[in-house]
Amino acid sequence: MKIHFGTKKVQKMGRIALTEALLRNAGIQEGDSVDLYFDATTKAIIIERTPSTEAAEASLSAKRTKTRAKTP
């Protein structure tokens, strides 16, 4: 399913600014890594959050939980 988040113009150097709402819905934050794909059949550009970012975030969250549990 496709959800439209507006129309953007390509800036100098091929940049496109993504909206805050799009990033929030995709679970992407500043500093995250993303993987870029191109579907030649549909000419669609696909941006996915890099799985290692999710794993690192889960690990960091687990460490925070352990730290909080140790604090009296």
C-alpha atoms as a PDB file:
ATOM      1  CA  MET A   1       0.000   0.000   0.000  1.00  0.00           C
ATOM      2  CA  LYS A   2       1.317   3.436  -0.927  1.00  0.00           C
ATOM      3  CA  ILE A   3       0.691   6.493   1.255  1.00  0.00           C
ATOM      4  CA  HIS A   4       1.355   9.915  -0.269  1.00  0.00           C
ATOM      5  CA  PHE A   5       3.390  12.317   1.897  1.00  0.00           C
ATOM      6  CA  GLY A   6       3.524  15.222  -0.541  1.00  0.00           C
ATOM      7  CA  THR A   7       5.546  16.232  -3.581  1.00  0.00           C
ATOM      8  CA  LYS A   8       9.139  17.456  -3.344  1.00  0.00           C
ATOM      9  CA  LYS A   9      11.558  18.985  -5.842  1.00  0.00           C
ATOM     10  CA  VAL A  10      15.002  17.495  -6.207  1.00  0.00           C
ATOM     11  CA  GLN A  11      17.533  19.984  -4.823  1.00  0.00           C
ATOM     12  CA  LYS A  12      21.096  20.606  -5.934  1.00  0.00           C
ATOM     13  CA  MET A  13      23.337  17.565  -5.653  1.00  0.00           C
ATOM     14  CA  GLY A  14      20.274  15.283  -5.952  1.00  0.00           C
ATOM     15  CA  ARG A  15      18.945  15.904  -2.459  1.00  0.00           C
ATOM     16  CA  ILE A  16      15.333  15.431  -1.422  1.00  0.00           C
ATOM     17  CA  ALA A  17      14.166  16.571   2.019  1.00  0.00           C
ATOM     18  CA  LEU A  18      11.878  14.044   3.681  1.00  0.00           C
ATOM     19  CA  THR A  19       9.066  15.309   5.892  1.00  0.00           C
ATOM     20  CA  GLU A  20       9.094  14.829   9.639  1.00  0.00           C
ATOM     21  CA  ALA A  21       5.838  12.860   9.398  1.00  0.00           C
ATOM     22  CA  LEU A  22       7.322  10.462   6.836  1.00  0.00           C
ATOM     23  CA  LEU A  23      10.445   9.878   8.901  1.00  0.00           C
ATOM     24  CA  ARG A  24       8.409   9.370  12.082  1.00  0.00           C
ATOM     25  CA  ASN A  25       6.107   6.859  10.367  1.00  0.00           C
ATOM     26  CA  ALA A  26       9.124   5.004   8.958  1.00  0.00           C
ATOM     27  CA  GLY A  27      10.811   4.954  12.382  1.00  0.00           C
ATOM     28  CA  ILE A  28      13.820   6.859  11.039  1.00  0.00           C
ATOM     29  CA  GLN A  29      15.620   9.455  13.150  1.00  0.00           C
ATOM     30  CA  GLU A  30      18.519  11.802  12.508  1.00  0.00           C
ATOM     31  CA  GLY A  31      21.745   9.817  12.442  1.00  0.00           C
ATOM     32  CA  ASP A  32      20.082   6.519  11.442  1.00  0.00           C
ATOM     33  CA  SER A  33      21.422   4.596   8.471  1.00  0.00           C
ATOM     34  CA  VAL A  34      19.112   3.693   5.607  1.00  0.00           C
ATOM     35  CA  ASP A  35      19.352   1.283   2.688  1.00  0.00           C
ATOM     36  CA  LEU A  36      18.355   2.559  -0.749  1.00  0.00           C
ATOM     37  CA  TYR A  37      16.871   0.311  -3.436  1.00  0.00           C
ATOM     38  CA  PHE A  38      15.647   0.940  -6.966  1.00  0.00           C
ATOM     39  CA  ASP A  39      12.920  -1.208  -8.522  1.00  0.00           C
ATOM     40  CA  ALA A  40      13.612  -1.026 -12.263  1.00  0.00           C
ATOM     41  CA  THR A  41      10.194  -2.452 -13.128  1.00  0.00           C
ATOM     42  CA  THR A  42       8.168   0.233 -11.343  1.00  0.00           C
ATOM     43  CA  LYS A  43      10.952   2.868 -11.247  1.00  0.00           C
ATOM     44  CA  ALA A  44      10.316   3.161  -7.506  1.00  0.00           C
ATOM     45  CA  ILE A  45      12.992   4.276  -5.067  1.00  0.00           C
ATOM     46  CA  ILE A  46      12.731   2.392  -1.787  1.00  0.00           C
ATOM     47  CA  ILE A  47      14.246   3.670   1.456  1.00  0.00           C
ATOM     48  CA  GLU A  48      14.446   1.218   4.354  1.00  0.00           C
ATOM     49  CA  ARG A  49      15.915   1.646   7.786  1.00  0.00           C
ATOM     50  CA  THR A  50      19.125  -0.385   8.023  1.00  0.00           C
ATOM     51  CA  PRO A  51      18.526  -3.491  10.161  1.00  0.00           C
ATOM     52  CA  SER A  52      21.797  -2.979  12.054  1.00  0.00           C
ATOM     53  CA  THR A  53      20.378   0.319  13.327  1.00  0.00           C
ATOM     54  CA  GLU A  54      17.379  -1.507  14.761  1.00  0.00           C
ATOM     55  CA  ALA A  55      19.599  -4.135  16.382  1.00  0.00           C
ATOM     56  CA  ALA A  56      21.884  -1.484  17.864  1.00  0.00           C
ATOM     57  CA  GLU A  57      18.880   0.426  19.190  1.00  0.00           C
ATOM     58  CA  ALA A  58      17.454  -2.737  20.779  1.00  0.00           C
ATOM     59  CA  SER A  59      20.827  -3.476  22.352  1.00  0.00           C
ATOM     60  CA  LEU A  60      21.094   0.065  23.722  1.00  0.00           C
ATOM     61  CA  SER A  61      17.557  -0.169  25.095  1.00  0.00           C
ATOM     62  CA  ALA A  62      18.388  -3.474  26.808  1.00  0.00           C
ATOM     63  CA  LYS A  63      21.517  -1.945  28.371  1.00  0.00           C
ATOM     64  CA  ARG A  64      19.469   0.979  29.673  1.00  0.00           C
ATOM     65  CA  THR A  65      16.956  -1.425  31.213  1.00  0.00           C
ATOM     66  CA  LYS A  66      19.743  -3.395  32.938  1.00  0.00           C
ATOM     67  CA  THR A  67      21.323  -0.179  34.230  1.00  0.00           C
ATOM     68  CA  ARG A  68      18.006   0.998  35.671  1.00  0.00           C
ATOM     69  CA  ALA A  69      17.419  -2.385  37.309  1.00  0.00           C
ATOM     70  CA  LYS A  70      20.786  -2.179  39.127  1.00  0.00           C
ATOM     71  CA  THR A  71      20.118   1.311  40.474  1.00  0.00           C
ATOM     72  CA  PRO A  72      18.548   1.089  43.977  1.00  0.00           C
END
